[in-house]
Amino acid sequence: MEKIYRASMTITLFTLIFLVCNVPYFVNMILFAIYVNIHYPDYPPGIYKSYFMYYYSFPLSKVVFISLNAACNPILYFCRMTDFQKWLKNLVLKTNIRRFTLTKSTSVGGEAFSARCCI
């Protein structure tokens, strides 16, 4: 029962973060579509008459919030999933697993160096 509760909470958190980060873009697109298609000057009531909304609403809602969603996902993975925590700790602690060393190898034209991965 504990695993099911934890999994449902993880899915709920991911969904909430997705909605919080993407709803401003969705609302902005809907308002802009209504504003452009209806051609009614006061609907939405002056929302795109302000300088900020006209020039900065799309970059903020599309770039900043969606990038914030992408930045929050690994943090949520790390906080909620123990397998991801173990994998990341293993990756960080074993930095010398894949170390490249230079070895001499001869070629037809002379002496050359090649990289060899030591695992």
PDB file of N, CA and C in Angstrom:
ATOM      1  N   MET A   1       0.825  -1.195   0.000  1.00  0.00           N
ATOM      2  CA  MET A   1       0.000   0.000   0.000  1.00  0.00           C
ATOM      3  C   MET A   1       0.873   1.265   0.000  1.00  0.00           C
ATOM      4  N   GLU A   2       1.986   1.174   0.697  1.00  0.00           N
ATOM      5  CA  GLU A   2       2.921   2.310   0.764  1.00  0.00           C
ATOM      6  C   GLU A   2       3.469   2.654  -0.621  1.00  0.00           C
ATOM      7  N   LYS A   3       3.798   1.617  -1.428  1.00  0.00           N
ATOM      8  CA  LYS A   3       4.345   1.851  -2.762  1.00  0.00           C
ATOM      9  C   LYS A   3       3.318   2.512  -3.674  1.00  0.00           C
ATOM     10  N   ILE A   4       2.080   2.078  -3.570  1.00  0.00           N
ATOM     11  CA  ILE A   4       1.023   2.646  -4.411  1.00  0.00           C
ATOM     12  C   ILE A   4       0.781   4.108  -4.045  1.00  0.00           C
ATOM     13  N   TYR A   5       0.770   4.394  -2.746  1.00  0.00           N
ATOM     14  CA  TYR A   5       0.578   5.775  -2.288  1.00  0.00           C
ATOM     15  C   TYR A   5       1.734   6.654  -2.753  1.00  0.00           C
ATOM     16  N   ARG A   6       2.948   6.160  -2.612  1.00  0.00           N
ATOM     17  CA  ARG A   6       4.127   6.930  -3.028  1.00  0.00           C
ATOM     18  C   ARG A   6       4.124   7.164  -4.541  1.00  0.00           C
ATOM     19  N   ALA A   7       3.766   6.155  -5.306  1.00  0.00           N
ATOM     20  CA  ALA A   7       3.709   6.310  -6.767  1.00  0.00           C
ATOM     21  C   ALA A   7       2.627   7.301  -7.180  1.00  0.00           C
ATOM     22  N   SER A   8       1.484   7.236  -6.529  1.00  0.00           N
ATOM     23  CA  SER A   8       0.411   8.174  -6.875  1.00  0.00           C
ATOM     24  C   SER A   8       0.780   9.601  -6.483  1.00  0.00           C
ATOM     25  N   MET A   9       1.482   9.767  -5.376  1.00  0.00           N
ATOM     26  CA  MET A   9       1.931  11.110  -4.988  1.00  0.00           C
ATOM     27  C   MET A   9       2.974  11.645  -5.971  1.00  0.00           C
ATOM     28  N   THR A  10       3.843  10.778  -6.458  1.00  0.00           N
ATOM     29  CA  THR A  10       4.852  11.192  -7.434  1.00  0.00           C
ATOM     30  C   THR A  10       4.189  11.632  -8.731  1.00  0.00           C
ATOM     31  N   ILE A  11       3.231  10.862  -9.197  1.00  0.00           N
ATOM     32  CA  ILE A  11       2.508  11.224 -10.417  1.00  0.00           C
ATOM     33  C   ILE A  11       1.743  12.531 -10.214  1.00  0.00           C
ATOM     34  N   THR A  12       1.149  12.700  -9.047  1.00  0.00           N
ATOM     35  CA  THR A  12       0.423  13.933  -8.745  1.00  0.00           C
ATOM     36  C   THR A  12       1.355  15.130  -8.745  1.00  0.00           C
ATOM     37  N   LEU A  13       2.542  14.988  -8.151  1.00  0.00           N
ATOM     38  CA  LEU A  13       3.497  16.097  -8.132  1.00  0.00           C
ATOM     39  C   LEU A  13       3.974  16.461  -9.538  1.00  0.00           C
ATOM     40  N   PHE A  14       4.280  15.454 -10.344  1.00  0.00           N
ATOM     41  CA  PHE A  14       4.700  15.731 -11.714  1.00  0.00           C
ATOM     42  C   PHE A  14       3.597  16.418 -12.506  1.00  0.00           C
ATOM     43  N   THR A  15       2.361  15.992 -12.308  1.00  0.00           N
ATOM     44  CA  THR A  15       1.232  16.604 -13.007  1.00  0.00           C
ATOM     45  C   THR A  15       1.019  18.044 -12.545  1.00  0.00           C
ATOM     46  N   LEU A  16       1.113  18.282 -11.253  1.00  0.00           N
ATOM     47  CA  LEU A  16       0.943  19.649 -10.744  1.00  0.00           C
ATOM     48  C   LEU A  16       2.029  20.585 -11.258  1.00  0.00           C
ATOM     49  N   ILE A  17       3.266  20.129 -11.255  1.00  0.00           N
ATOM     50  CA  ILE A  17       4.355  20.959 -11.773  1.00  0.00           C
ATOM     51  C   ILE A  17       4.145  21.234 -13.265  1.00  0.00           C
ATOM     52  N   PHE A  18       3.726  20.214 -14.002  1.00  0.00           N
ATOM     53  CA  PHE A  18       3.435  20.411 -15.427  1.00  0.00           C
ATOM     54  C   PHE A  18       2.343  21.455 -15.625  1.00  0.00           C
ATOM     55  N   LEU A  19       1.269  21.345 -14.866  1.00  0.00           N
ATOM     56  CA  LEU A  19       0.160  22.286 -15.028  1.00  0.00           C
ATOM     57  C   LEU A  19       0.547  23.698 -14.612  1.00  0.00           C
ATOM     58  N   VAL A  20       1.244  23.827 -13.497  1.00  0.00           N
ATOM     59  CA  VAL A  20       1.646  25.161 -13.034  1.00  0.00           C
ATOM     60  C   VAL A  20       2.549  25.834 -14.060  1.00  0.00           C
ATOM     61  N   CYS A  21       3.420  25.073 -14.670  1.00  0.00           N
ATOM     62  CA  CYS A  21       4.363  25.653 -15.630  1.00  0.00           C
ATOM     63  C   CYS A  21       3.770  25.854 -17.024  1.00  0.00           C
ATOM     64  N   ASN A  22       2.751  25.111 -17.404  1.00  0.00           N
ATOM     65  CA  ASN A  22       2.229  25.203 -18.768  1.00  0.00           C
ATOM     66  C   ASN A  22       0.889  25.917 -18.894  1.00  0.00           C
ATOM     67  N   VAL A  23       0.141  26.051 -17.822  1.00  0.00           N
ATOM     68  CA  VAL A  23      -1.158  26.732 -17.902  1.00  0.00           C
ATOM     69  C   VAL A  23      -1.015  28.191 -18.342  1.00  0.00           C
ATOM     70  N   PRO A  24       0.005  28.948 -17.893  1.00  0.00           N
ATOM     71  CA  PRO A  24       0.114  30.324 -18.414  1.00  0.00           C
ATOM     72  C   PRO A  24       0.255  30.381 -19.937  1.00  0.00           C
ATOM     73  N   TYR A  25       0.983  29.454 -20.508  1.00  0.00           N
ATOM     74  CA  TYR A  25       1.118  29.430 -21.969  1.00  0.00           C
ATOM     75  C   TYR A  25      -0.203  29.059 -22.641  1.00  0.00           C
ATOM     76  N   PHE A  26      -0.889  28.057 -22.089  1.00  0.00           N
ATOM     77  CA  PHE A  26      -2.175  27.654 -22.663  1.00  0.00           C
ATOM     78  C   PHE A  26      -3.187  28.800 -22.612  1.00  0.00           C
ATOM     79  N   VAL A  27      -3.269  29.469 -21.478  1.00  0.00           N
ATOM     80  CA  VAL A  27      -4.211  30.587 -21.321  1.00  0.00           C
ATOM     81  C   VAL A  27      -3.834  31.719 -22.269  1.00  0.00           C
ATOM     82  N   ASN A  28      -2.544  31.991 -22.378  1.00  0.00           N
ATOM     83  CA  ASN A  28      -2.084  33.051 -23.268  1.00  0.00           C
ATOM     84  C   ASN A  28      -2.432  32.743 -24.719  1.00  0.00           C
ATOM     85  N   MET A  29      -2.262  31.495 -25.135  1.00  0.00           N
ATOM     86  CA  MET A  29      -2.601  31.115 -26.499  1.00  0.00           C
ATOM     87  C   MET A  29      -4.101  31.208 -26.757  1.00  0.00           C
ATOM     88  N   ILE A  30      -4.900  30.803 -25.787  1.00  0.00           N
ATOM     89  CA  ILE A  30      -6.361  30.886 -25.945  1.00  0.00           C
ATOM     90  C   ILE A  30      -6.810  32.341 -26.039  1.00  0.00           C
ATOM     91  N   LEU A  31      -6.276  33.188 -25.144  1.00  0.00           N
ATOM     92  CA  LEU A  31      -6.655  34.602 -25.178  1.00  0.00           C
ATOM     93  C   LEU A  31      -6.216  35.267 -26.478  1.00  0.00           C
ATOM     94  N   PHE A  32      -5.033  34.935 -26.924  1.00  0.00           N
ATOM     95  CA  PHE A  32      -4.556  35.525 -28.172  1.00  0.00           C
ATOM     96  C   PHE A  32      -5.382  35.051 -29.370  1.00  0.00           C
ATOM     97  N   ALA A  33      -5.748  33.780 -29.390  1.00  0.00           N
ATOM     98  CA  ALA A  33      -6.581  33.262 -30.482  1.00  0.00           C
ATOM     99  C   ALA A  33      -7.946  33.925 -30.491  1.00  0.00           C
ATOM    100  N   ILE A  34      -8.519  34.102 -29.327  1.00  0.00           N
ATOM    101  CA  ILE A  34      -9.817  34.783 -29.242  1.00  0.00           C
ATOM    102  C   ILE A  34      -9.678  36.235 -29.693  1.00  0.00           C
ATOM    103  N   TYR A  35      -8.617  36.884 -29.248  1.00  0.00           N
ATOM    104  CA  TYR A  35      -8.397  38.289 -29.582  1.00  0.00           C
ATOM    105  C   TYR A  35      -8.183  38.478 -31.084  1.00  0.00           C
ATOM    106  N   VAL A  36      -7.431  37.587 -31.700  1.00  0.00           N
ATOM    107  CA  VAL A  36      -7.142  37.718 -33.125  1.00  0.00           C
ATOM    108  C   VAL A  36      -8.340  37.315 -33.973  1.00  0.00           C
ATOM    109  N   ASN A  37      -9.019  36.233 -33.615  1.00  0.00           N
ATOM    110  CA  ASN A  37     -10.106  35.721 -34.454  1.00  0.00           C
ATOM    111  C   ASN A  37     -11.393  36.521 -34.349  1.00  0.00           C
ATOM    112  N   ILE A  38     -11.674  37.059 -33.211  1.00  0.00           N
ATOM    113  CA  ILE A  38     -12.921  37.815 -33.054  1.00  0.00           C
ATOM    114  C   ILE A  38     -12.765  39.250 -33.544  1.00  0.00           C
ATOM    115  N   HIS A  39     -11.576  39.798 -33.451  1.00  0.00           N
ATOM    116  CA  HIS A  39     -11.302  41.175 -33.845  1.00  0.00           C
ATOM    117  C   HIS A  39     -12.158  42.177 -33.084  1.00  0.00           C
ATOM    118  N   TYR A  40     -12.541  41.801 -31.916  1.00  0.00           N
ATOM    119  CA  TYR A  40     -13.297  42.711 -31.066  1.00  0.00           C
ATOM    120  C   TYR A  40     -12.287  43.469 -30.216  1.00  0.00           C
ATOM    121  N   PRO A  41     -12.251  44.781 -30.274  1.00  0.00           N
ATOM    122  CA  PRO A  41     -11.152  45.526 -29.648  1.00  0.00           C
ATOM    123  C   PRO A  41     -11.111  45.445 -28.120  1.00  0.00           C
ATOM    124  N   ASP A  42     -12.228  45.183 -27.482  1.00  0.00           N
ATOM    125  CA  ASP A  42     -12.201  45.161 -26.023  1.00  0.00           C
ATOM    126  C   ASP A  42     -12.238  43.758 -25.439  1.00  0.00           C
ATOM    127  N   TYR A  43     -12.026  42.725 -26.266  1.00  0.00           N
ATOM    128  CA  TYR A  43     -12.019  41.371 -25.722  1.00  0.00           C
ATOM    129  C   TYR A  43     -10.744  40.675 -26.104  1.00  0.00           C
ATOM    130  N   PRO A  44      -9.972  40.177 -25.208  1.00  0.00           N
ATOM    131  CA  PRO A  44     -10.047  40.366 -23.765  1.00  0.00           C
ATOM    132  C   PRO A  44      -9.801  41.822 -23.423  1.00  0.00           C
ATOM    133  N   PRO A  45     -10.354  42.256 -22.324  1.00  0.00           N
ATOM    134  CA  PRO A  45     -10.414  43.698 -22.048  1.00  0.00           C
ATOM    135  C   PRO A  45      -9.035  44.340 -21.933  1.00  0.00           C
ATOM    136  N   GLY A  46      -8.527  44.744 -23.060  1.00  0.00           N
ATOM    137  CA  GLY A  46      -7.276  45.491 -23.092  1.00  0.00           C
ATOM    138  C   GLY A  46      -6.049  44.711 -22.682  1.00  0.00           C
ATOM    139  N   ILE A  47      -6.133  43.385 -22.703  1.00  0.00           N
ATOM    140  CA  ILE A  47      -5.017  42.611 -22.175  1.00  0.00           C
ATOM    141  C   ILE A  47      -3.763  42.744 -23.045  1.00  0.00           C
ATOM    142  N   TYR A  48      -3.921  42.853 -24.341  1.00  0.00           N
ATOM    143  CA  TYR A  48      -2.756  42.997 -25.203  1.00  0.00           C
ATOM    144  C   TYR A  48      -2.482  44.445 -25.578  1.00  0.00           C
ATOM    145  N   LYS A  49      -3.178  45.375 -24.948  1.00  0.00           N
ATOM    146  CA  LYS A  49      -2.874  46.783 -25.160  1.00  0.00           C
ATOM    147  C   LYS A  49      -1.689  47.223 -24.303  1.00  0.00           C
ATOM    148  N   SER A  50      -1.440  46.508 -23.221  1.00  0.00           N
ATOM    149  CA  SER A  50      -0.296  46.880 -22.386  1.00  0.00           C
ATOM    150  C   SER A  50       0.988  46.409 -23.052  1.00  0.00           C
ATOM    151  N   TYR A  51       2.019  47.194 -22.889  1.00  0.00           N
ATOM    152  CA  TYR A  51       3.315  46.906 -23.503  1.00  0.00           C
ATOM    153  C   TYR A  51       3.868  45.575 -23.007  1.00  0.00           C
ATOM    154  N   PHE A  52       3.741  45.321 -21.713  1.00  0.00           N
ATOM    155  CA  PHE A  52       4.269  44.087 -21.138  1.00  0.00           C
ATOM    156  C   PHE A  52       3.585  42.853 -21.716  1.00  0.00           C
ATOM    157  N   MET A  53       2.273  42.874 -21.754  1.00  0.00           N
ATOM    158  CA  MET A  53       1.551  41.700 -22.250  1.00  0.00           C
ATOM    159  C   MET A  53       1.799  41.478 -23.734  1.00  0.00           C
ATOM    160  N   TYR A  54       1.939  42.555 -24.493  1.00  0.00           N
ATOM    161  CA  TYR A  54       2.114  42.392 -25.929  1.00  0.00           C
ATOM    162  C   TYR A  54       3.491  41.827 -26.259  1.00  0.00           C
ATOM    163  N   TYR A  55       4.533  42.297 -25.588  1.00  0.00           N
ATOM    164  CA  TYR A  55       5.884  41.895 -25.950  1.00  0.00           C
ATOM    165  C   TYR A  55       6.461  40.771 -25.092  1.00  0.00           C
ATOM    166  N   TYR A  56       6.031  40.647 -23.848  1.00  0.00           N
ATOM    167  CA  TYR A  56       6.696  39.707 -22.943  1.00  0.00           C
ATOM    168  C   TYR A  56       5.847  38.524 -22.500  1.00  0.00           C
ATOM    169  N   SER A  57       4.580  38.500 -22.807  1.00  0.00           N
ATOM    170  CA  SER A  57       3.750  37.403 -22.309  1.00  0.00           C
ATOM    171  C   SER A  57       4.104  36.084 -22.976  1.00  0.00           C
ATOM    172  N   PHE A  58       4.349  36.095 -24.276  1.00  0.00           N
ATOM    173  CA  PHE A  58       4.698  34.848 -24.955  1.00  0.00           C
ATOM    174  C   PHE A  58       6.088  34.342 -24.565  1.00  0.00           C
ATOM    175  N   PRO A  59       7.130  35.187 -24.579  1.00  0.00           N
ATOM    176  CA  PRO A  59       8.430  34.652 -24.144  1.00  0.00           C
ATOM    177  C   PRO A  59       8.429  34.155 -22.706  1.00  0.00           C
ATOM    178  N   LEU A  60       7.743  34.863 -21.818  1.00  0.00           N
ATOM    179  CA  LEU A  60       7.695  34.409 -20.425  1.00  0.00           C
ATOM    180  C   LEU A  60       6.938  33.097 -20.299  1.00  0.00           C
ATOM    181  N   SER A  61       5.772  33.037 -20.915  1.00  0.00           N
ATOM    182  CA  SER A  61       4.949  31.838 -20.737  1.00  0.00           C
ATOM    183  C   SER A  61       5.497  30.646 -21.500  1.00  0.00           C
ATOM    184  N   LYS A  62       6.132  30.887 -22.624  1.00  0.00           N
ATOM    185  CA  LYS A  62       6.611  29.768 -23.422  1.00  0.00           C
ATOM    186  C   LYS A  62       8.020  29.345 -23.025  1.00  0.00           C
ATOM    187  N   VAL A  63       8.936  30.263 -22.951  1.00  0.00           N
ATOM    188  CA  VAL A  63      10.337  29.916 -22.717  1.00  0.00           C
ATOM    189  C   VAL A  63      10.637  29.718 -21.237  1.00  0.00           C
ATOM    190  N   VAL A  64      10.282  30.689 -20.422  1.00  0.00           N
ATOM    191  CA  VAL A  64      10.680  30.639 -19.012  1.00  0.00           C
ATOM    192  C   VAL A  64       9.939  29.542 -18.255  1.00  0.00           C
ATOM    193  N   PHE A  65       8.627  29.500 -18.373  1.00  0.00           N
ATOM    194  CA  PHE A  65       7.874  28.522 -17.593  1.00  0.00           C
ATOM    195  C   PHE A  65       8.075  27.091 -18.071  1.00  0.00           C
ATOM    196  N   ILE A  66       8.178  26.894 -19.379  1.00  0.00           N
ATOM    197  CA  ILE A  66       8.406  25.543 -19.886  1.00  0.00           C
ATOM    198  C   ILE A  66       9.824  25.090 -19.560  1.00  0.00           C
ATOM    199  N   SER A  67      10.792  26.004 -19.590  1.00  0.00           N
ATOM    200  CA  SER A  67      12.148  25.663 -19.152  1.00  0.00           C
ATOM    201  C   SER A  67      12.185  25.372 -17.659  1.00  0.00           C
ATOM    202  N   LEU A  68      11.388  26.092 -16.898  1.00  0.00           N
ATOM    203  CA  LEU A  68      11.295  25.819 -15.465  1.00  0.00           C
ATOM    204  C   LEU A  68      10.744  24.423 -15.216  1.00  0.00           C
ATOM    205  N   ASN A  69       9.786  23.998 -16.020  1.00  0.00           N
ATOM    206  CA  ASN A  69       9.262  22.640 -15.914  1.00  0.00           C
ATOM    207  C   ASN A  69      10.361  21.619 -16.195  1.00  0.00           C
ATOM    208  N   ALA A  70      11.140  21.861 -17.234  1.00  0.00           N
ATOM    209  CA  ALA A  70      12.230  20.943 -17.567  1.00  0.00           C
ATOM    210  C   ALA A  70      13.304  20.929 -16.483  1.00  0.00           C
ATOM    211  N   ALA A  71      13.501  22.034 -15.807  1.00  0.00           N
ATOM    212  CA  ALA A  71      14.492  22.084 -14.733  1.00  0.00           C
ATOM    213  C   ALA A  71      13.979  21.431 -13.448  1.00  0.00           C
ATOM    214  N   CYS A  72      12.677  21.457 -13.242  1.00  0.00           N
ATOM    215  CA  CYS A  72      12.105  20.858 -12.029  1.00  0.00           C
ATOM    216  C   CYS A  72      12.030  19.338 -12.096  1.00  0.00           C
ATOM    217  N   ASN A  73      11.925  18.786 -13.292  1.00  0.00           N
ATOM    218  CA  ASN A  73      11.771  17.338 -13.418  1.00  0.00           C
ATOM    219  C   ASN A  73      12.930  16.543 -12.810  1.00  0.00           C
ATOM    220  N   PRO A  74      14.201  16.843 -13.095  1.00  0.00           N
ATOM    221  CA  PRO A  74      15.268  16.069 -12.446  1.00  0.00           C
ATOM    222  C   PRO A  74      15.291  16.226 -10.931  1.00  0.00           C
ATOM    223  N   ILE A  75      14.903  17.392 -10.444  1.00  0.00           N
ATOM    224  CA  ILE A  75      14.851  17.601  -8.989  1.00  0.00           C
ATOM    225  C   ILE A  75      13.778  16.715  -8.378  1.00  0.00           C
ATOM    226  N   LEU A  76      12.622  16.644  -9.038  1.00  0.00           N
ATOM    227  CA  LEU A  76      11.566  15.761  -8.549  1.00  0.00           C
ATOM    228  C   LEU A  76      11.972  14.300  -8.642  1.00  0.00           C
ATOM    229  N   TYR A  77      12.643  13.936  -9.726  1.00  0.00           N
ATOM    230  CA  TYR A  77      13.141  12.560  -9.841  1.00  0.00           C
ATOM    231  C   TYR A  77      14.054  12.227  -8.668  1.00  0.00           C
ATOM    232  N   PHE A  78      14.974  13.132  -8.374  1.00  0.00           N
ATOM    233  CA  PHE A  78      15.923  12.869  -7.297  1.00  0.00           C
ATOM    234  C   PHE A  78      15.232  12.795  -5.938  1.00  0.00           C
ATOM    235  N   CYS A  79      14.262  13.649  -5.711  1.00  0.00           N
ATOM    236  CA  CYS A  79      13.591  13.674  -4.401  1.00  0.00           C
ATOM    237  C   CYS A  79      12.641  12.498  -4.200  1.00  0.00           C
ATOM    238  N   ARG A  80      12.030  12.011  -5.264  1.00  0.00           N
ATOM    239  CA  ARG A  80      10.975  11.023  -5.094  1.00  0.00           C
ATOM    240  C   ARG A  80      11.368   9.590  -5.425  1.00  0.00           C
ATOM    241  N   MET A  81      12.375   9.376  -6.257  1.00  0.00           N
ATOM    242  CA  MET A  81      12.670   8.024  -6.728  1.00  0.00           C
ATOM    243  C   MET A  81      14.005   7.539  -6.187  1.00  0.00           C
ATOM    244  N   THR A  82      13.951   6.481  -5.398  1.00  0.00           N
ATOM    245  CA  THR A  82      15.166   5.980  -4.770  1.00  0.00           C
ATOM    246  C   THR A  82      16.107   5.329  -5.782  1.00  0.00           C
ATOM    247  N   ASP A  83      15.578   4.722  -6.834  1.00  0.00           N
ATOM    248  CA  ASP A  83      16.443   4.140  -7.864  1.00  0.00           C
ATOM    249  C   ASP A  83      17.250   5.227  -8.575  1.00  0.00           C
ATOM    250  N   PHE A  84      16.624   6.356  -8.828  1.00  0.00           N
ATOM    251  CA  PHE A  84      17.329   7.475  -9.462  1.00  0.00           C
ATOM    252  C   PHE A  84      18.395   8.019  -8.519  1.00  0.00           C
ATOM    253  N   GLN A  85      18.105   8.086  -7.216  1.00  0.00           N
ATOM    254  CA  GLN A  85      19.089   8.541  -6.235  1.00  0.00           C
ATOM    255  C   GLN A  85      20.302   7.620  -6.216  1.00  0.00           C
ATOM    256  N   LYS A  86      20.055   6.310  -6.204  1.00  0.00           N
ATOM    257  CA  LYS A  86      21.152   5.341  -6.202  1.00  0.00           C
ATOM    258  C   LYS A  86      21.978   5.454  -7.476  1.00  0.00           C
ATOM    259  N   TRP A  87      21.316   5.592  -8.625  1.00  0.00           N
ATOM    260  CA  TRP A  87      22.027   5.694  -9.885  1.00  0.00           C
ATOM    261  C   TRP A  87      22.899   6.947  -9.923  1.00  0.00           C
ATOM    262  N   LEU A  88      22.354   8.087  -9.461  1.00  0.00           N
ATOM    263  CA  LEU A  88      23.093   9.337  -9.490  1.00  0.00           C
ATOM    264  C   LEU A  88      24.265   9.305  -8.515  1.00  0.00           C
ATOM    265  N   LYS A  89      24.053   8.743  -7.332  1.00  0.00           N
ATOM    266  CA  LYS A  89      25.155   8.620  -6.381  1.00  0.00           C
ATOM    267  C   LYS A  89      26.245   7.714  -6.933  1.00  0.00           C
ATOM    268  N   ASN A  90      25.858   6.629  -7.578  1.00  0.00           N
ATOM    269  CA  ASN A  90      26.821   5.722  -8.184  1.00  0.00           C
ATOM    270  C   ASN A  90      27.589   6.427  -9.296  1.00  0.00           C
ATOM    271  N   LEU A  91      26.919   7.247 -10.073  1.00  0.00           N
ATOM    272  CA  LEU A  91      27.553   7.978 -11.157  1.00  0.00           C
ATOM    273  C   LEU A  91      28.552   9.000 -10.623  1.00  0.00           C
ATOM    274  N   VAL A  92      28.172   9.703  -9.569  1.00  0.00           N
ATOM    275  CA  VAL A  92      29.033  10.743  -9.018  1.00  0.00           C
ATOM    276  C   VAL A  92      30.221  10.143  -8.272  1.00  0.00           C
ATOM    277  N   LEU A  93      30.000   9.090  -7.511  1.00  0.00           N
ATOM    278  CA  LEU A  93      31.075   8.522  -6.700  1.00  0.00           C
ATOM    279  C   LEU A  93      32.110   7.773  -7.525  1.00  0.00           C
ATOM    280  N   LYS A  94      31.709   7.230  -8.638  1.00  0.00           N
ATOM    281  CA  LYS A  94      32.639   6.477  -9.469  1.00  0.00           C
ATOM    282  C   LYS A  94      33.036   7.284 -10.692  1.00  0.00           C
ATOM    283  N   THR A  95      33.730   8.377 -10.455  1.00  0.00           N
ATOM    284  CA  THR A  95      34.136   9.240 -11.562  1.00  0.00           C
ATOM    285  C   THR A  95      35.308   8.664 -12.335  1.00  0.00           C
ATOM    286  N   ASN A  96      36.050   7.769 -11.731  1.00  0.00           N
ATOM    287  CA  ASN A  96      37.225   7.258 -12.421  1.00  0.00           C
ATOM    288  C   ASN A  96      36.951   5.950 -13.157  1.00  0.00           C
ATOM    289  N   ILE A  97      35.690   5.583 -13.330  1.00  0.00           N
ATOM    290  CA  ILE A  97      35.363   4.353 -14.042  1.00  0.00           C
ATOM    291  C   ILE A  97      35.757   4.474 -15.512  1.00  0.00           C
ATOM    292  N   ARG A  98      35.364   5.547 -16.127  1.00  0.00           N
ATOM    293  CA  ARG A  98      35.669   5.724 -17.546  1.00  0.00           C
ATOM    294  C   ARG A  98      36.755   6.783 -17.684  1.00  0.00           C
ATOM    295  N   ARG A  99      37.958   6.333 -17.675  1.00  0.00           N
ATOM    296  CA  ARG A  99      39.090   7.229 -17.762  1.00  0.00           C
ATOM    297  C   ARG A  99      39.813   6.923 -19.068  1.00  0.00           C
ATOM    298  N   PHE A 100      40.092   7.966 -19.791  1.00  0.00           N
ATOM    299  CA  PHE A 100      40.773   7.786 -21.070  1.00  0.00           C
ATOM    300  C   PHE A 100      42.274   7.905 -20.849  1.00  0.00           C
ATOM    301  N   THR A 101      43.004   6.962 -21.381  1.00  0.00           N
ATOM    302  CA  THR A 101      44.463   7.007 -21.307  1.00  0.00           C
ATOM    303  C   THR A 101      45.018   7.028 -22.716  1.00  0.00           C
ATOM    304  N   LEU A 102      46.148   7.653 -22.838  1.00  0.00           N
ATOM    305  CA  LEU A 102      46.803   7.699 -24.138  1.00  0.00           C
ATOM    306  C   LEU A 102      47.752   6.526 -24.257  1.00  0.00           C
ATOM    307  N   THR A 103      47.636   5.788 -25.318  1.00  0.00           N
ATOM    308  CA  THR A 103      48.536   4.678 -25.586  1.00  0.00           C
ATOM    309  C   THR A 103      49.162   4.880 -26.948  1.00  0.00           C
ATOM    310  N   LYS A 104      50.387   4.430 -27.065  1.00  0.00           N
ATOM    311  CA  LYS A 104      51.071   4.556 -28.347  1.00  0.00           C
ATOM    312  C   LYS A 104      50.616   3.433 -29.266  1.00  0.00           C
ATOM    313  N   SER A 105      50.336   3.779 -30.482  1.00  0.00           N
ATOM    314  CA  SER A 105      50.039   2.771 -31.487  1.00  0.00           C
ATOM    315  C   SER A 105      50.740   3.189 -32.772  1.00  0.00           C
ATOM    316  N   THR A 106      51.270   2.259 -33.466  1.00  0.00           N
ATOM    317  CA  THR A 106      51.995   2.599 -34.689  1.00  0.00           C
ATOM    318  C   THR A 106      51.053   2.555 -35.866  1.00  0.00           C
ATOM    319  N   SER A 107      51.268   3.440 -36.773  1.00  0.00           N
ATOM    320  CA  SER A 107      50.483   3.472 -37.991  1.00  0.00           C
ATOM    321  C   SER A 107      51.441   3.409 -39.164  1.00  0.00           C
ATOM    322  N   VAL A 108      50.918   3.389 -40.352  1.00  0.00           N
ATOM    323  CA  VAL A 108      51.742   3.248 -41.548  1.00  0.00           C
ATOM    324  C   VAL A 108      52.630   4.468 -41.729  1.00  0.00           C
ATOM    325  N   GLY A 109      52.100   5.628 -41.479  1.00  0.00           N
ATOM    326  CA  GLY A 109      52.852   6.855 -41.716  1.00  0.00           C
ATOM    327  C   GLY A 109      53.780   7.229 -40.583  1.00  0.00           C
ATOM    328  N   GLY A 110      53.770   6.575 -39.515  1.00  0.00           N
ATOM    329  CA  GLY A 110      54.624   6.926 -38.388  1.00  0.00           C
ATOM    330  C   GLY A 110      53.946   6.588 -37.089  1.00  0.00           C
ATOM    331  N   GLU A 111      54.274   7.344 -36.074  1.00  0.00           N
ATOM    332  CA  GLU A 111      53.782   7.060 -34.738  1.00  0.00           C
ATOM    333  C   GLU A 111      52.536   7.902 -34.457  1.00  0.00           C
ATOM    334  N   ALA A 112      51.515   7.319 -33.917  1.00  0.00           N
ATOM    335  CA  ALA A 112      50.278   8.034 -33.598  1.00  0.00           C
ATOM    336  C   ALA A 112      49.812   7.639 -32.210  1.00  0.00           C
ATOM    337  N   PHE A 113      49.004   8.487 -31.631  1.00  0.00           N
ATOM    338  CA  PHE A 113      48.441   8.205 -30.316  1.00  0.00           C
ATOM    339  C   PHE A 113      46.956   7.926 -30.464  1.00  0.00           C
ATOM    340  N   SER A 114      46.456   6.978 -29.720  1.00  0.00           N
ATOM    341  CA  SER A 114      45.034   6.690 -29.755  1.00  0.00           C
ATOM    342  C   SER A 114      44.507   6.665 -28.327  1.00  0.00           C
ATOM    343  N   ALA A 115      43.249   7.009 -28.172  1.00  0.00           N
ATOM    344  CA  ALA A 115      42.629   7.019 -26.852  1.00  0.00           C
ATOM    345  C   ALA A 115      42.000   5.660 -26.603  1.00  0.00           C
ATOM    346  N   ARG A 116      42.221   5.144 -25.418  1.00  0.00           N
ATOM    347  CA  ARG A 116      41.645   3.850 -25.038  1.00  0.00           C
ATOM    348  C   ARG A 116      40.876   4.056 -23.737  1.00  0.00           C
ATOM    349  N   CYS A 117      39.711   3.524 -23.671  1.00  0.00           N
ATOM    350  CA  CYS A 117      38.867   3.664 -22.484  1.00  0.00           C
ATOM    351  C   CYS A 117      39.170   2.513 -21.534  1.00  0.00           C
ATOM    352  N   CYS A 118      39.495   2.881 -20.305  1.00  0.00           N
ATOM    353  CA  CYS A 118      39.762   1.862 -19.287  1.00  0.00           C
ATOM    354  C   CYS A 118      38.536   1.676 -18.419  1.00  0.00           C
ATOM    355  N   ILE A 119      37.967   0.535 -18.469  1.00  0.00           N
ATOM    356  CA  ILE A 119      36.779   0.267 -17.654  1.00  0.00           C
ATOM    357  C   ILE A 119      37.142  -0.692 -16.553  1.00  0.00           C
TER     358      ILE A 119
END
